[in-house]
Amino acid sequence: MITQKALRILIPVTICLIVGFLDAIATQSSVDVWYINLEKPFFTPPNWLFGPIWTLLYILMGVAAGMVWNKGFYHKWVKTALYHFGFQLILNASWSIFFFGLKLILPALIIILALLILLLFTFKWFKVVNPSAATLLIPYIIWVAYATALNFEIWRLN
């Protein structure tokens, strides 16, 4: 039997993986056609690396959100942390739609900058509620910062 604690981790992990799956659909539509023809900076990773990294990041994000949720949704700090998390997840999904789906590099750059800022606030609130959960967000923050630099350079070069 799944405990309530485990369920509160499983639900956000599932939601994050669904967002990742939807992002992958938006990405697949142009990664082999449009994206491949863009000028990219020297620090661009190989395409095959994105899937495994994002899968791991979505799992870590979901576990972190579940750990915060397990502190009790009735608490205003938990609610604040999870609201920030939800909004950053929306921006995360929006970025893929704008960058890969609509092929709008500059608007995607603005979205990812907003995502990075909101993610730092999410980290702050997760740290207030559960420092271990906040720690799980660190790889995600690093990756989004890296992706922001990558997005900026792609915009600059194209």
N, C-alpha and C. Protein backbone atom coordinates (compact mmCIF):
# COMPACT_ATOMS: atom_id res chain seq x y z
N MET A 1 0.84 -1.19 0.00
CA MET A 1 0.00 0.00 0.00
C MET A 1 0.88 1.25 0.00
N ILE A 2 0.52 2.19 -0.83
CA ILE A 2 1.28 3.43 -0.92
C ILE A 2 0.86 4.35 0.22
N THR A 3 1.85 4.85 0.94
CA THR A 3 1.56 5.77 2.03
C THR A 3 1.24 7.15 1.48
N GLN A 4 0.64 7.96 2.32
CA GLN A 4 0.31 9.33 1.91
C GLN A 4 1.58 10.10 1.59
N LYS A 5 2.64 9.86 2.35
CA LYS A 5 3.92 10.53 2.11
C LYS A 5 4.48 10.17 0.73
N ALA A 6 4.44 8.89 0.41
CA ALA A 6 4.93 8.43 -0.89
C ALA A 6 4.07 8.98 -2.03
N LEU A 7 2.77 9.03 -1.81
CA LEU A 7 1.85 9.55 -2.82
C LEU A 7 2.13 11.03 -3.09
N ARG A 8 2.47 11.77 -2.03
CA ARG A 8 2.77 13.19 -2.18
C ARG A 8 4.10 13.43 -2.91
N ILE A 9 4.87 12.41 -3.07
CA ILE A 9 6.08 12.52 -3.90
C ILE A 9 5.78 11.99 -5.30
N LEU A 10 5.03 10.91 -5.38
CA LEU A 10 4.71 10.30 -6.67
C LEU A 10 3.90 11.24 -7.56
N ILE A 11 2.96 11.97 -7.00
CA ILE A 11 2.12 12.87 -7.79
C ILE A 11 2.95 13.98 -8.45
N PRO A 12 3.77 14.73 -7.70
CA PRO A 12 4.57 15.76 -8.38
C PRO A 12 5.59 15.19 -9.37
N VAL A 13 6.17 14.02 -9.06
CA VAL A 13 7.10 13.40 -10.01
C VAL A 13 6.35 13.09 -11.31
N THR A 14 5.17 12.55 -11.20
CA THR A 14 4.36 12.23 -12.38
C THR A 14 4.02 13.49 -13.17
N ILE A 15 3.60 14.54 -12.47
CA ILE A 15 3.26 15.80 -13.14
C ILE A 15 4.48 16.36 -13.87
N CYS A 16 5.63 16.35 -13.21
CA CYS A 16 6.86 16.85 -13.84
C CYS A 16 7.23 16.02 -15.07
N LEU A 17 7.11 14.71 -14.97
CA LEU A 17 7.43 13.86 -16.12
C LEU A 17 6.44 14.06 -17.27
N ILE A 18 5.18 14.33 -16.96
CA ILE A 18 4.20 14.63 -18.01
C ILE A 18 4.57 15.93 -18.70
N VAL A 19 4.95 16.95 -17.93
CA VAL A 19 5.41 18.21 -18.52
C VAL A 19 6.61 17.94 -19.42
N GLY A 20 7.54 17.12 -18.94
CA GLY A 20 8.71 16.77 -19.74
C GLY A 20 8.34 16.05 -21.02
N PHE A 21 7.36 15.16 -20.94
CA PHE A 21 6.90 14.44 -22.12
C PHE A 21 6.28 15.41 -23.14
N LEU A 22 5.47 16.35 -22.65
CA LEU A 22 4.85 17.35 -23.54
C LEU A 22 5.92 18.25 -24.14
N ASP A 23 6.92 18.62 -23.34
CA ASP A 23 8.05 19.41 -23.86
C ASP A 23 8.77 18.65 -24.96
N ALA A 24 8.94 17.36 -24.76
CA ALA A 24 9.63 16.53 -25.75
C ALA A 24 8.87 16.51 -27.07
N ILE A 25 7.55 16.51 -26.99
CA ILE A 25 6.74 16.55 -28.22
C ILE A 25 6.98 17.85 -28.97
N ALA A 26 6.98 18.97 -28.23
CA ALA A 26 7.24 20.28 -28.86
C ALA A 26 8.65 20.32 -29.45
N THR A 27 9.59 19.72 -28.76
CA THR A 27 10.99 19.72 -29.19
C THR A 27 11.18 18.87 -30.44
N GLN A 28 10.60 17.68 -30.45
CA GLN A 28 10.80 16.74 -31.56
C GLN A 28 10.35 17.32 -32.89
N SER A 29 9.37 18.22 -32.84
CA SER A 29 8.83 18.75 -34.09
C SER A 29 9.86 19.56 -34.87
N SER A 30 10.90 20.05 -34.20
CA SER A 30 11.85 20.90 -34.93
C SER A 30 13.32 20.62 -34.63
N VAL A 31 13.62 19.71 -33.72
CA VAL A 31 15.02 19.51 -33.34
C VAL A 31 15.86 18.98 -34.50
N ASP A 32 15.31 18.13 -35.33
CA ASP A 32 16.08 17.54 -36.43
C ASP A 32 16.01 18.36 -37.71
N VAL A 33 15.19 19.39 -37.74
CA VAL A 33 15.03 20.18 -38.95
C VAL A 33 15.51 21.61 -38.71
N TRP A 34 14.84 22.32 -37.84
CA TRP A 34 15.14 23.73 -37.60
C TRP A 34 16.36 23.91 -36.70
N TYR A 35 16.36 23.27 -35.56
CA TYR A 35 17.42 23.45 -34.57
C TYR A 35 18.79 23.04 -35.11
N ILE A 36 18.83 21.98 -35.86
CA ILE A 36 20.10 21.48 -36.38
C ILE A 36 20.78 22.49 -37.31
N ASN A 37 19.99 23.35 -37.95
CA ASN A 37 20.53 24.34 -38.89
C ASN A 37 20.91 25.67 -38.24
N LEU A 38 20.64 25.82 -36.95
CA LEU A 38 21.01 27.06 -36.26
C LEU A 38 22.50 27.10 -35.97
N GLU A 39 23.05 28.31 -35.95
CA GLU A 39 24.42 28.48 -35.45
C GLU A 39 24.36 28.32 -33.94
N LYS A 40 25.27 27.50 -33.42
CA LYS A 40 25.27 27.23 -31.98
C LYS A 40 26.67 27.48 -31.41
N PRO A 41 26.74 27.85 -30.14
CA PRO A 41 28.05 28.09 -29.53
C PRO A 41 28.82 26.79 -29.31
N PHE A 42 30.10 26.94 -29.04
CA PHE A 42 30.98 25.79 -28.86
C PHE A 42 30.58 24.91 -27.68
N PHE A 43 29.86 25.47 -26.73
CA PHE A 43 29.51 24.71 -25.52
C PHE A 43 28.15 24.03 -25.61
N THR A 44 27.63 23.90 -26.82
CA THR A 44 26.36 23.20 -27.04
C THR A 44 26.56 21.70 -26.84
N PRO A 45 25.76 21.09 -25.98
CA PRO A 45 25.91 19.64 -25.77
C PRO A 45 25.31 18.86 -26.94
N PRO A 46 25.67 17.60 -27.07
CA PRO A 46 25.05 16.78 -28.13
C PRO A 46 23.56 16.60 -27.84
N ASN A 47 22.78 16.48 -28.89
CA ASN A 47 21.32 16.38 -28.74
C ASN A 47 20.89 15.21 -27.87
N TRP A 48 21.60 14.08 -27.93
CA TRP A 48 21.20 12.89 -27.17
C TRP A 48 21.27 13.12 -25.66
N LEU A 49 22.01 14.13 -25.22
CA LEU A 49 22.18 14.37 -23.79
C LEU A 49 20.96 15.02 -23.13
N PHE A 50 20.19 15.77 -23.90
CA PHE A 50 19.08 16.52 -23.34
C PHE A 50 18.01 15.63 -22.70
N GLY A 51 17.63 14.55 -23.35
CA GLY A 51 16.59 13.66 -22.84
C GLY A 51 16.92 13.09 -21.47
N PRO A 52 18.09 12.43 -21.31
CA PRO A 52 18.43 11.87 -20.00
C PRO A 52 18.57 12.93 -18.91
N ILE A 53 19.16 14.07 -19.27
CA ILE A 53 19.33 15.13 -18.25
C ILE A 53 17.98 15.65 -17.80
N TRP A 54 17.11 15.96 -18.75
CA TRP A 54 15.80 16.48 -18.37
C TRP A 54 14.97 15.46 -17.60
N THR A 55 15.07 14.21 -17.96
CA THR A 55 14.34 13.17 -17.22
C THR A 55 14.79 13.16 -15.76
N LEU A 56 16.09 13.16 -15.55
CA LEU A 56 16.62 13.19 -14.18
C LEU A 56 16.19 14.46 -13.45
N LEU A 57 16.27 15.59 -14.13
CA LEU A 57 15.89 16.86 -13.49
C LEU A 57 14.40 16.87 -13.12
N TYR A 58 13.54 16.37 -14.01
CA TYR A 58 12.11 16.33 -13.69
C TYR A 58 11.83 15.41 -12.50
N ILE A 59 12.55 14.32 -12.40
CA ILE A 59 12.37 13.43 -11.24
C ILE A 59 12.82 14.13 -9.97
N LEU A 60 13.99 14.77 -10.00
CA LEU A 60 14.48 15.50 -8.82
C LEU A 60 13.53 16.63 -8.42
N MET A 61 13.01 17.34 -9.42
CA MET A 61 12.06 18.42 -9.15
C MET A 61 10.81 17.87 -8.47
N GLY A 62 10.29 16.78 -8.99
CA GLY A 62 9.08 16.19 -8.42
C GLY A 62 9.30 15.69 -7.00
N VAL A 63 10.43 15.04 -6.77
CA VAL A 63 10.74 14.57 -5.41
C VAL A 63 10.85 15.76 -4.47
N ALA A 64 11.53 16.82 -4.92
CA ALA A 64 11.67 18.01 -4.08
C ALA A 64 10.31 18.62 -3.75
N ALA A 65 9.44 18.73 -4.75
CA ALA A 65 8.10 19.28 -4.52
C ALA A 65 7.32 18.40 -3.56
N GLY A 66 7.45 17.08 -3.71
CA GLY A 66 6.78 16.16 -2.80
C GLY A 66 7.27 16.29 -1.37
N MET A 67 8.57 16.49 -1.21
CA MET A 67 9.13 16.66 0.13
C MET A 67 8.58 17.93 0.79
N VAL A 68 8.42 18.97 -0.01
CA VAL A 68 7.84 20.21 0.52
C VAL A 68 6.37 19.99 0.86
N TRP A 69 5.64 19.36 -0.03
CA TRP A 69 4.22 19.08 0.18
C TRP A 69 4.03 18.26 1.45
N ASN A 70 4.94 17.35 1.73
CA ASN A 70 4.83 16.52 2.92
C ASN A 70 4.97 17.30 4.22
N LYS A 71 5.38 18.53 4.14
CA LYS A 71 5.45 19.37 5.35
C LYS A 71 4.08 19.91 5.74
N GLY A 72 3.10 19.74 4.88
CA GLY A 72 1.73 20.14 5.21
C GLY A 72 1.27 21.33 4.40
N PHE A 73 0.33 21.09 3.49
CA PHE A 73 -0.13 22.15 2.59
C PHE A 73 -0.89 23.25 3.32
N TYR A 74 -1.29 23.00 4.54
CA TYR A 74 -2.00 24.02 5.32
C TYR A 74 -1.07 25.17 5.72
N HIS A 75 0.22 24.95 5.70
CA HIS A 75 1.19 25.96 6.13
C HIS A 75 1.42 26.96 5.00
N LYS A 76 1.40 28.26 5.31
CA LYS A 76 1.53 29.28 4.27
C LYS A 76 2.87 29.23 3.55
N TRP A 77 3.94 28.83 4.22
CA TRP A 77 5.24 28.75 3.55
C TRP A 77 5.26 27.60 2.56
N VAL A 78 4.60 26.51 2.90
CA VAL A 78 4.50 25.38 1.98
C VAL A 78 3.71 25.80 0.74
N LYS A 79 2.58 26.45 0.96
CA LYS A 79 1.78 26.93 -0.16
C LYS A 79 2.58 27.88 -1.04
N THR A 80 3.29 28.82 -0.42
CA THR A 80 4.10 29.78 -1.17
C THR A 80 5.15 29.05 -2.00
N ALA A 81 5.84 28.10 -1.38
CA ALA A 81 6.87 27.34 -2.09
C ALA A 81 6.28 26.57 -3.27
N LEU A 82 5.15 25.93 -3.06
CA LEU A 82 4.54 25.13 -4.12
C LEU A 82 3.92 26.00 -5.22
N TYR A 83 3.42 27.18 -4.87
CA TYR A 83 2.94 28.09 -5.90
C TYR A 83 4.10 28.53 -6.80
N HIS A 84 5.22 28.89 -6.17
CA HIS A 84 6.40 29.24 -6.96
C HIS A 84 6.81 28.07 -7.86
N PHE A 85 6.79 26.88 -7.30
CA PHE A 85 7.16 25.69 -8.06
C PHE A 85 6.23 25.52 -9.27
N GLY A 86 4.94 25.65 -9.04
CA GLY A 86 3.97 25.50 -10.14
C GLY A 86 4.17 26.52 -11.24
N PHE A 87 4.41 27.76 -10.85
CA PHE A 87 4.60 28.80 -11.86
C PHE A 87 5.89 28.61 -12.64
N GLN A 88 6.96 28.16 -11.96
CA GLN A 88 8.20 27.93 -12.69
C GLN A 88 8.03 26.74 -13.64
N LEU A 89 7.21 25.76 -13.26
CA LEU A 89 6.97 24.62 -14.13
C LEU A 89 6.21 25.05 -15.39
N ILE A 90 5.31 26.00 -15.24
CA ILE A 90 4.59 26.55 -16.40
C ILE A 90 5.57 27.27 -17.33
N LEU A 91 6.47 28.07 -16.74
CA LEU A 91 7.48 28.75 -17.57
C LEU A 91 8.39 27.74 -18.25
N ASN A 92 8.73 26.69 -17.54
CA ASN A 92 9.57 25.63 -18.09
C ASN A 92 8.92 25.07 -19.36
N ALA A 93 7.65 24.74 -19.26
CA ALA A 93 6.92 24.19 -20.41
C ALA A 93 6.79 25.23 -21.53
N SER A 94 6.58 26.48 -21.14
CA SER A 94 6.43 27.56 -22.13
C SER A 94 7.69 27.74 -22.96
N TRP A 95 8.84 27.59 -22.31
CA TRP A 95 10.09 27.78 -23.02
C TRP A 95 10.19 26.84 -24.21
N SER A 96 9.91 25.56 -24.01
CA SER A 96 10.00 24.59 -25.11
C SER A 96 9.04 24.93 -26.24
N ILE A 97 7.85 25.37 -25.86
CA ILE A 97 6.85 25.73 -26.87
C ILE A 97 7.34 26.91 -27.70
N PHE A 98 7.88 27.93 -27.03
CA PHE A 98 8.34 29.12 -27.76
C PHE A 98 9.61 28.85 -28.56
N PHE A 99 10.59 28.16 -27.93
CA PHE A 99 11.86 27.95 -28.61
C PHE A 99 11.74 26.93 -29.73
N PHE A 100 11.27 25.74 -29.42
CA PHE A 100 11.22 24.68 -30.42
C PHE A 100 9.92 24.66 -31.22
N GLY A 101 8.79 24.83 -30.53
CA GLY A 101 7.50 24.75 -31.21
C GLY A 101 7.26 25.93 -32.14
N LEU A 102 7.44 27.15 -31.62
CA LEU A 102 7.18 28.36 -32.42
C LEU A 102 8.43 28.93 -33.07
N LYS A 103 9.60 28.42 -32.67
CA LYS A 103 10.90 28.86 -33.21
C LYS A 103 11.13 30.36 -32.98
N LEU A 104 10.75 30.81 -31.79
CA LEU A 104 10.90 32.21 -31.40
C LEU A 104 12.01 32.30 -30.34
N ILE A 105 13.22 32.57 -30.80
CA ILE A 105 14.38 32.51 -29.93
C ILE A 105 14.39 33.62 -28.89
N LEU A 106 14.11 34.85 -29.29
CA LEU A 106 14.14 35.96 -28.33
C LEU A 106 13.05 35.85 -27.26
N PRO A 107 11.79 35.60 -27.63
CA PRO A 107 10.79 35.40 -26.58
C PRO A 107 11.14 34.22 -25.66
N ALA A 108 11.72 33.17 -26.22
CA ALA A 108 12.16 32.03 -25.40
C ALA A 108 13.24 32.47 -24.43
N LEU A 109 14.14 33.34 -24.87
CA LEU A 109 15.18 33.86 -23.98
C LEU A 109 14.57 34.64 -22.82
N ILE A 110 13.59 35.44 -23.10
CA ILE A 110 12.91 36.21 -22.04
C ILE A 110 12.23 35.24 -21.07
N ILE A 111 11.60 34.21 -21.60
CA ILE A 111 10.93 33.22 -20.75
C ILE A 111 11.94 32.50 -19.87
N ILE A 112 13.07 32.09 -20.43
CA ILE A 112 14.04 31.34 -19.63
C ILE A 112 14.71 32.22 -18.59
N LEU A 113 14.86 33.51 -18.88
CA LEU A 113 15.37 34.44 -17.86
C LEU A 113 14.37 34.56 -16.70
N ALA A 114 13.09 34.68 -17.04
CA ALA A 114 12.05 34.71 -16.01
C ALA A 114 12.02 33.40 -15.24
N LEU A 115 12.19 32.29 -15.95
CA LEU A 115 12.23 30.97 -15.30
C LEU A 115 13.38 30.90 -14.30
N LEU A 116 14.55 31.35 -14.70
CA LEU A 116 15.71 31.31 -13.81
C LEU A 116 15.47 32.14 -12.56
N ILE A 117 14.92 33.32 -12.73
CA ILE A 117 14.63 34.18 -11.57
C ILE A 117 13.60 33.52 -10.66
N LEU A 118 12.52 33.03 -11.25
CA LEU A 118 11.48 32.37 -10.45
C LEU A 118 12.00 31.10 -9.79
N LEU A 119 12.88 30.41 -10.47
CA LEU A 119 13.48 29.21 -9.90
C LEU A 119 14.32 29.54 -8.67
N LEU A 120 15.01 30.67 -8.69
CA LEU A 120 15.78 31.08 -7.51
C LEU A 120 14.86 31.40 -6.33
N PHE A 121 13.73 32.01 -6.62
CA PHE A 121 12.73 32.24 -5.55
C PHE A 121 12.16 30.91 -5.05
N THR A 122 11.92 29.99 -5.97
CA THR A 122 11.43 28.66 -5.58
C THR A 122 12.44 27.99 -4.67
N PHE A 123 13.70 28.06 -5.02
CA PHE A 123 14.77 27.50 -4.19
C PHE A 123 14.74 28.12 -2.79
N LYS A 124 14.60 29.44 -2.75
CA LYS A 124 14.56 30.15 -1.46
C LYS A 124 13.42 29.62 -0.58
N TRP A 125 12.23 29.49 -1.17
CA TRP A 125 11.08 29.03 -0.39
C TRP A 125 11.19 27.56 -0.03
N PHE A 126 11.73 26.75 -0.93
CA PHE A 126 11.95 25.34 -0.59
C PHE A 126 12.93 25.24 0.57
N LYS A 127 13.94 26.09 0.57
CA LYS A 127 14.94 26.06 1.64
C LYS A 127 14.31 26.42 2.98
N VAL A 128 13.36 27.34 2.97
CA VAL A 128 12.65 27.71 4.20
C VAL A 128 11.86 26.51 4.74
N VAL A 129 11.21 25.79 3.84
CA VAL A 129 10.34 24.69 4.23
C VAL A 129 11.12 23.40 4.49
N ASN A 130 12.03 23.07 3.57
CA ASN A 130 12.77 21.81 3.67
C ASN A 130 14.11 21.97 2.94
N PRO A 131 15.18 22.23 3.66
CA PRO A 131 16.48 22.45 3.02
C PRO A 131 16.93 21.29 2.12
N SER A 132 16.58 20.07 2.48
CA SER A 132 16.96 18.93 1.63
C SER A 132 16.25 19.00 0.28
N ALA A 133 15.01 19.41 0.28
CA ALA A 133 14.26 19.57 -0.97
C ALA A 133 14.90 20.66 -1.83
N ALA A 134 15.31 21.74 -1.20
CA ALA A 134 15.97 22.82 -1.94
C ALA A 134 17.25 22.33 -2.59
N THR A 135 17.98 21.49 -1.89
CA THR A 135 19.22 20.93 -2.43
C THR A 135 18.97 20.15 -3.71
N LEU A 136 17.85 19.47 -3.78
CA LEU A 136 17.51 18.70 -4.99
C LEU A 136 17.27 19.60 -6.20
N LEU A 137 17.00 20.88 -5.97
CA LEU A 137 16.78 21.81 -7.07
C LEU A 137 18.08 22.37 -7.65
N ILE A 138 19.19 22.19 -6.95
CA ILE A 138 20.45 22.79 -7.40
C ILE A 138 20.86 22.33 -8.80
N PRO A 139 20.80 21.02 -9.13
CA PRO A 139 21.15 20.65 -10.51
C PRO A 139 20.24 21.31 -11.55
N TYR A 140 18.99 21.46 -11.22
CA TYR A 140 18.03 22.12 -12.11
C TYR A 140 18.41 23.59 -12.31
N ILE A 141 18.74 24.27 -11.24
CA ILE A 141 19.15 25.68 -11.32
C ILE A 141 20.39 25.81 -12.20
N ILE A 142 21.36 24.93 -11.98
CA ILE A 142 22.59 24.97 -12.78
C ILE A 142 22.28 24.74 -14.25
N TRP A 143 21.44 23.75 -14.53
CA TRP A 143 21.09 23.44 -15.92
C TRP A 143 20.34 24.58 -16.58
N VAL A 144 19.40 25.20 -15.85
CA VAL A 144 18.64 26.32 -16.43
C VAL A 144 19.56 27.52 -16.66
N ALA A 145 20.52 27.75 -15.77
CA ALA A 145 21.49 28.83 -15.99
C ALA A 145 22.31 28.55 -17.25
N TYR A 146 22.73 27.31 -17.40
CA TYR A 146 23.47 26.89 -18.59
C TYR A 146 22.60 27.04 -19.84
N ALA A 147 21.35 26.59 -19.76
CA ALA A 147 20.43 26.69 -20.89
C ALA A 147 20.15 28.15 -21.25
N THR A 148 20.14 29.01 -20.25
CA THR A 148 19.95 30.45 -20.49
C THR A 148 21.12 30.99 -21.30
N ALA A 149 22.34 30.64 -20.91
CA ALA A 149 23.52 31.07 -21.67
C ALA A 149 23.48 30.52 -23.09
N LEU A 150 23.08 29.27 -23.22
CA LEU A 150 22.97 28.64 -24.53
C LEU A 150 21.92 29.35 -25.38
N ASN A 151 20.77 29.62 -24.81
CA ASN A 151 19.70 30.33 -25.51
C ASN A 151 20.17 31.71 -25.95
N PHE A 152 20.87 32.41 -25.05
CA PHE A 152 21.38 33.75 -25.39
C PHE A 152 22.33 33.68 -26.57
N GLU A 153 23.26 32.74 -26.53
CA GLU A 153 24.23 32.62 -27.61
C GLU A 153 23.58 32.22 -28.93
N ILE A 154 22.60 31.34 -28.87
CA ILE A 154 21.90 30.97 -30.11
C ILE A 154 21.18 32.19 -30.68
N TRP A 155 20.56 32.98 -29.80
CA TRP A 155 19.89 34.20 -30.26
C TRP A 155 20.93 35.17 -30.88
N ARG A 156 22.05 35.34 -30.20
CA ARG A 156 23.09 36.26 -30.68
C ARG A 156 23.66 35.81 -32.02
N LEU A 157 23.88 34.52 -32.18
CA LEU A 157 24.49 33.99 -33.39
C LEU A 157 23.54 33.91 -34.57
N ASN A 158 22.24 33.94 -34.29
CA ASN A 158 21.27 33.79 -35.37
C ASN A 158 20.46 35.05 -35.58
